[in-house]
Amino acid sequence: MKVIFSELAKLELDDACSFYDLQMSGLGLKFKEEVGKAVRRIAEFPTA
């Protein structure tokens, strides 16, 4: 299954990453990686 993010969703993800980076350096990247992992699991098992 292919997952497509809208432009607004991409902007919101970038905003969230920036927010987390303000809380602690590197946390935004870690958050983005975890979102990516979750999206890959959803794409792999869409009916789970």
PDB file of N, CA and C in Angstrom:
ATOM      1  N   MET A   1       0.850  -1.164   0.000  1.00  0.00           N
ATOM      2  CA  MET A   1       0.000   0.000   0.000  1.00  0.00           C
ATOM      3  C   MET A   1       0.902   1.235   0.000  1.00  0.00           C
ATOM      4  N   LYS A   2       0.535   2.208  -0.787  1.00  0.00           N
ATOM      5  CA  LYS A   2       1.295   3.450  -0.853  1.00  0.00           C
ATOM      6  C   LYS A   2       0.609   4.499   0.022  1.00  0.00           C
ATOM      7  N   VAL A   3       1.383   5.170   0.838  1.00  0.00           N
ATOM      8  CA  VAL A   3       0.866   6.225   1.713  1.00  0.00           C
ATOM      9  C   VAL A   3       1.279   7.566   1.123  1.00  0.00           C
ATOM     10  N   ILE A   4       0.301   8.442   0.948  1.00  0.00           N
ATOM     11  CA  ILE A   4       0.564   9.771   0.394  1.00  0.00           C
ATOM     12  C   ILE A   4       0.124  10.811   1.416  1.00  0.00           C
ATOM     13  N   PHE A   5       1.029  11.724   1.742  1.00  0.00           N
ATOM     14  CA  PHE A   5       0.720  12.807   2.663  1.00  0.00           C
ATOM     15  C   PHE A   5       0.351  14.057   1.880  1.00  0.00           C
ATOM     16  N   SER A   6      -0.669  14.757   2.331  1.00  0.00           N
ATOM     17  CA  SER A   6      -1.017  16.040   1.719  1.00  0.00           C
ATOM     18  C   SER A   6       0.062  17.059   2.073  1.00  0.00           C
ATOM     19  N   GLU A   7       0.087  18.140   1.345  1.00  0.00           N
ATOM     20  CA  GLU A   7       1.059  19.200   1.634  1.00  0.00           C
ATOM     21  C   GLU A   7       0.849  19.747   3.044  1.00  0.00           C
ATOM     22  N   LEU A   8      -0.411  19.880   3.456  1.00  0.00           N
ATOM     23  CA  LEU A   8      -0.704  20.373   4.802  1.00  0.00           C
ATOM     24  C   LEU A   8      -0.167  19.411   5.857  1.00  0.00           C
ATOM     25  N   ALA A   9      -0.331  18.119   5.634  1.00  0.00           N
ATOM     26  CA  ALA A   9       0.187  17.134   6.591  1.00  0.00           C
ATOM     27  C   ALA A   9       1.702  17.215   6.689  1.00  0.00           C
ATOM     28  N   LYS A  10       2.365  17.408   5.549  1.00  0.00           N
ATOM     29  CA  LYS A  10       3.826  17.549   5.557  1.00  0.00           C
ATOM     30  C   LYS A  10       4.248  18.777   6.354  1.00  0.00           C
ATOM     31  N   LEU A  11       3.523  19.880   6.180  1.00  0.00           N
ATOM     32  CA  LEU A  11       3.842  21.101   6.926  1.00  0.00           C
ATOM     33  C   LEU A  11       3.619  20.901   8.420  1.00  0.00           C
ATOM     34  N   GLU A  12       2.541  20.220   8.771  1.00  0.00           N
ATOM     35  CA  GLU A  12       2.259  19.969  10.184  1.00  0.00           C
ATOM     36  C   GLU A  12       3.326  19.072  10.808  1.00  0.00           C
ATOM     37  N   LEU A  13       3.796  18.087  10.052  1.00  0.00           N
ATOM     38  CA  LEU A  13       4.865  17.222  10.559  1.00  0.00           C
ATOM     39  C   LEU A  13       6.139  18.035  10.776  1.00  0.00           C
ATOM     40  N   ASP A  14       6.471  18.896   9.824  1.00  0.00           N
ATOM     41  CA  ASP A  14       7.649  19.753   9.977  1.00  0.00           C
ATOM     42  C   ASP A  14       7.514  20.669  11.187  1.00  0.00           C
ATOM     43  N   ASP A  15       6.307  21.223  11.393  1.00  0.00           N
ATOM     44  CA  ASP A  15       6.074  22.085  12.557  1.00  0.00           C
ATOM     45  C   ASP A  15       6.249  21.307  13.856  1.00  0.00           C
ATOM     46  N   ALA A  16       5.722  20.088  13.887  1.00  0.00           N
ATOM     47  CA  ALA A  16       5.850  19.260  15.090  1.00  0.00           C
ATOM     48  C   ALA A  16       7.313  18.933  15.358  1.00  0.00           C
ATOM     49  N   CYS A  17       8.052  18.622  14.305  1.00  0.00           N
ATOM     50  CA  CYS A  17       9.477  18.318  14.470  1.00  0.00           C
ATOM     51  C   CYS A  17      10.226  19.530  15.009  1.00  0.00           C
ATOM     52  N   SER A  18       9.896  20.704  14.504  1.00  0.00           N
ATOM     53  CA  SER A  18      10.536  21.933  14.988  1.00  0.00           C
ATOM     54  C   SER A  18      10.219  22.161  16.458  1.00  0.00           C
ATOM     55  N   PHE A  19       8.962  21.931  16.836  1.00  0.00           N
ATOM     56  CA  PHE A  19       8.561  22.088  18.228  1.00  0.00           C
ATOM     57  C   PHE A  19       9.371  21.154  19.130  1.00  0.00           C
ATOM     58  N   TYR A  20       9.470  19.886  18.743  1.00  0.00           N
ATOM     59  CA  TYR A  20      10.205  18.923  19.561  1.00  0.00           C
ATOM     60  C   TYR A  20      11.691  19.252  19.625  1.00  0.00           C
ATOM     61  N   ASP A  21      12.241  19.792  18.546  1.00  0.00           N
ATOM     62  CA  ASP A  21      13.648  20.204  18.575  1.00  0.00           C
ATOM     63  C   ASP A  21      13.873  21.355  19.547  1.00  0.00           C
ATOM     64  N   LEU A  22      12.862  22.210  19.710  1.00  0.00           N
ATOM     65  CA  LEU A  22      12.982  23.293  20.686  1.00  0.00           C
ATOM     66  C   LEU A  22      12.998  22.744  22.112  1.00  0.00           C
ATOM     67  N   GLN A  23      12.311  21.619  22.319  1.00  0.00           N
ATOM     68  CA  GLN A  23      12.269  21.016  23.648  1.00  0.00           C
ATOM     69  C   GLN A  23      13.601  20.360  23.995  1.00  0.00           C
ATOM     70  N   MET A  24      14.185  19.685  22.976  1.00  0.00           N
ATOM     71  CA  MET A  24      15.465  19.010  23.175  1.00  0.00           C
ATOM     72  C   MET A  24      16.092  18.760  21.808  1.00  0.00           C
ATOM     73  N   SER A  25      17.339  19.113  21.674  1.00  0.00           N
ATOM     74  CA  SER A  25      18.031  18.953  20.396  1.00  0.00           C
ATOM     75  C   SER A  25      17.995  17.496  19.931  1.00  0.00           C
ATOM     76  N   GLY A  26      17.599  17.281  18.685  1.00  0.00           N
ATOM     77  CA  GLY A  26      17.544  15.942  18.123  1.00  0.00           C
ATOM     78  C   GLY A  26      16.215  15.233  18.314  1.00  0.00           C
ATOM     79  N   LEU A  27      15.367  15.770  19.178  1.00  0.00           N
ATOM     80  CA  LEU A  27      14.092  15.114  19.451  1.00  0.00           C
ATOM     81  C   LEU A  27      13.161  15.183  18.241  1.00  0.00           C
ATOM     82  N   GLY A  28      13.246  16.265  17.470  1.00  0.00           N
ATOM     83  CA  GLY A  28      12.417  16.383  16.268  1.00  0.00           C
ATOM     84  C   GLY A  28      12.733  15.295  15.262  1.00  0.00           C
ATOM     85  N   LEU A  29      14.000  15.003  15.073  1.00  0.00           N
ATOM     86  CA  LEU A  29      14.405  13.944  14.150  1.00  0.00           C
ATOM     87  C   LEU A  29      13.931  12.590  14.655  1.00  0.00           C
ATOM     88  N   LYS A  30      14.066  12.363  15.945  1.00  0.00           N
ATOM     89  CA  LYS A  30      13.607  11.096  16.526  1.00  0.00           C
ATOM     90  C   LYS A  30      12.095  10.942  16.329  1.00  0.00           C
ATOM     91  N   PHE A  31      11.361  12.028  16.531  1.00  0.00           N
ATOM     92  CA  PHE A  31       9.915  12.006  16.327  1.00  0.00           C
ATOM     93  C   PHE A  31       9.585  11.656  14.874  1.00  0.00           C
ATOM     94  N   LYS A  32      10.275  12.303  13.931  1.00  0.00           N
ATOM     95  CA  LYS A  32      10.025  12.061  12.509  1.00  0.00           C
ATOM     96  C   LYS A  32      10.332  10.608  12.141  1.00  0.00           C
ATOM     97  N   GLU A  33      11.389  10.062  12.705  1.00  0.00           N
ATOM     98  CA  GLU A  33      11.728   8.657  12.459  1.00  0.00           C
ATOM     99  C   GLU A  33      10.637   7.729  12.983  1.00  0.00           C
ATOM    100  N   GLU A  34      10.102   8.031  14.164  1.00  0.00           N
ATOM    101  CA  GLU A  34       9.050   7.199  14.749  1.00  0.00           C
ATOM    102  C   GLU A  34       7.762   7.294  13.936  1.00  0.00           C
ATOM    103  N   VAL A  35       7.448   8.483  13.437  1.00  0.00           N
ATOM    104  CA  VAL A  35       6.282   8.639  12.562  1.00  0.00           C
ATOM    105  C   VAL A  35       6.481   7.786  11.314  1.00  0.00           C
ATOM    106  N   GLY A  36       7.672   7.831  10.753  1.00  0.00           N
ATOM    107  CA  GLY A  36       7.972   7.021   9.573  1.00  0.00           C
ATOM    108  C   GLY A  36       7.790   5.535   9.828  1.00  0.00           C
ATOM    109  N   LYS A  37       8.249   5.075  10.982  1.00  0.00           N
ATOM    110  CA  LYS A  37       8.087   3.659  11.335  1.00  0.00           C
ATOM    111  C   LYS A  37       6.604   3.292  11.428  1.00  0.00           C
ATOM    112  N   ALA A  38       5.827   4.161  12.069  1.00  0.00           N
ATOM    113  CA  ALA A  38       4.396   3.900  12.221  1.00  0.00           C
ATOM    114  C   ALA A  38       3.699   3.872  10.866  1.00  0.00           C
ATOM    115  N   VAL A  39       4.056   4.790   9.992  1.00  0.00           N
ATOM    116  CA  VAL A  39       3.447   4.835   8.659  1.00  0.00           C
ATOM    117  C   VAL A  39       3.799   3.577   7.866  1.00  0.00           C
ATOM    118  N   ARG A  40       5.036   3.126   7.966  1.00  0.00           N
ATOM    119  CA  ARG A  40       5.430   1.902   7.266  1.00  0.00           C
ATOM    120  C   ARG A  40       4.648   0.687   7.779  1.00  0.00           C
ATOM    121  N   ARG A  41       4.421   0.623   9.091  1.00  0.00           N
ATOM    122  CA  ARG A  41       3.636  -0.490   9.646  1.00  0.00           C
ATOM    123  C   ARG A  41       2.192  -0.428   9.151  1.00  0.00           C
ATOM    124  N   ILE A  42       1.630   0.773   9.117  1.00  0.00           N
ATOM    125  CA  ILE A  42       0.257   0.934   8.621  1.00  0.00           C
ATOM    126  C   ILE A  42       0.171   0.506   7.160  1.00  0.00           C
ATOM    127  N   ALA A  43       1.155   0.911   6.364  1.00  0.00           N
ATOM    128  CA  ALA A  43       1.160   0.549   4.945  1.00  0.00           C
ATOM    129  C   ALA A  43       1.315  -0.957   4.756  1.00  0.00           C
ATOM    130  N   GLU A  44       2.091  -1.582   5.616  1.00  0.00           N
ATOM    131  CA  GLU A  44       2.330  -3.019   5.500  1.00  0.00           C
ATOM    132  C   GLU A  44       1.129  -3.845   5.956  1.00  0.00           C
ATOM    133  N   PHE A  45       0.435  -3.361   6.969  1.00  0.00           N
ATOM    134  CA  PHE A  45      -0.703  -4.093   7.540  1.00  0.00           C
ATOM    135  C   PHE A  45      -1.924  -3.172   7.645  1.00  0.00           C
ATOM    136  N   PRO A  46      -2.499  -2.739   6.527  1.00  0.00           N
ATOM    137  CA  PRO A  46      -3.574  -1.738   6.564  1.00  0.00           C
ATOM    138  C   PRO A  46      -4.868  -2.208   7.225  1.00  0.00           C
ATOM    139  N   THR A  47      -5.072  -3.502   7.329  1.00  0.00           N
ATOM    140  CA  THR A  47      -6.319  -3.988   7.932  1.00  0.00           C
ATOM    141  C   THR A  47      -6.142  -4.443   9.374  1.00  0.00           C
ATOM    142  N   ALA A  48      -4.959  -4.291   9.921  1.00  0.00           N
ATOM    143  CA  ALA A  48      -4.696  -4.747  11.288  1.00  0.00           C
ATOM    144  C   ALA A  48      -5.374  -3.856  12.304  1.00  0.00           C
TER     145      ALA A  48
END
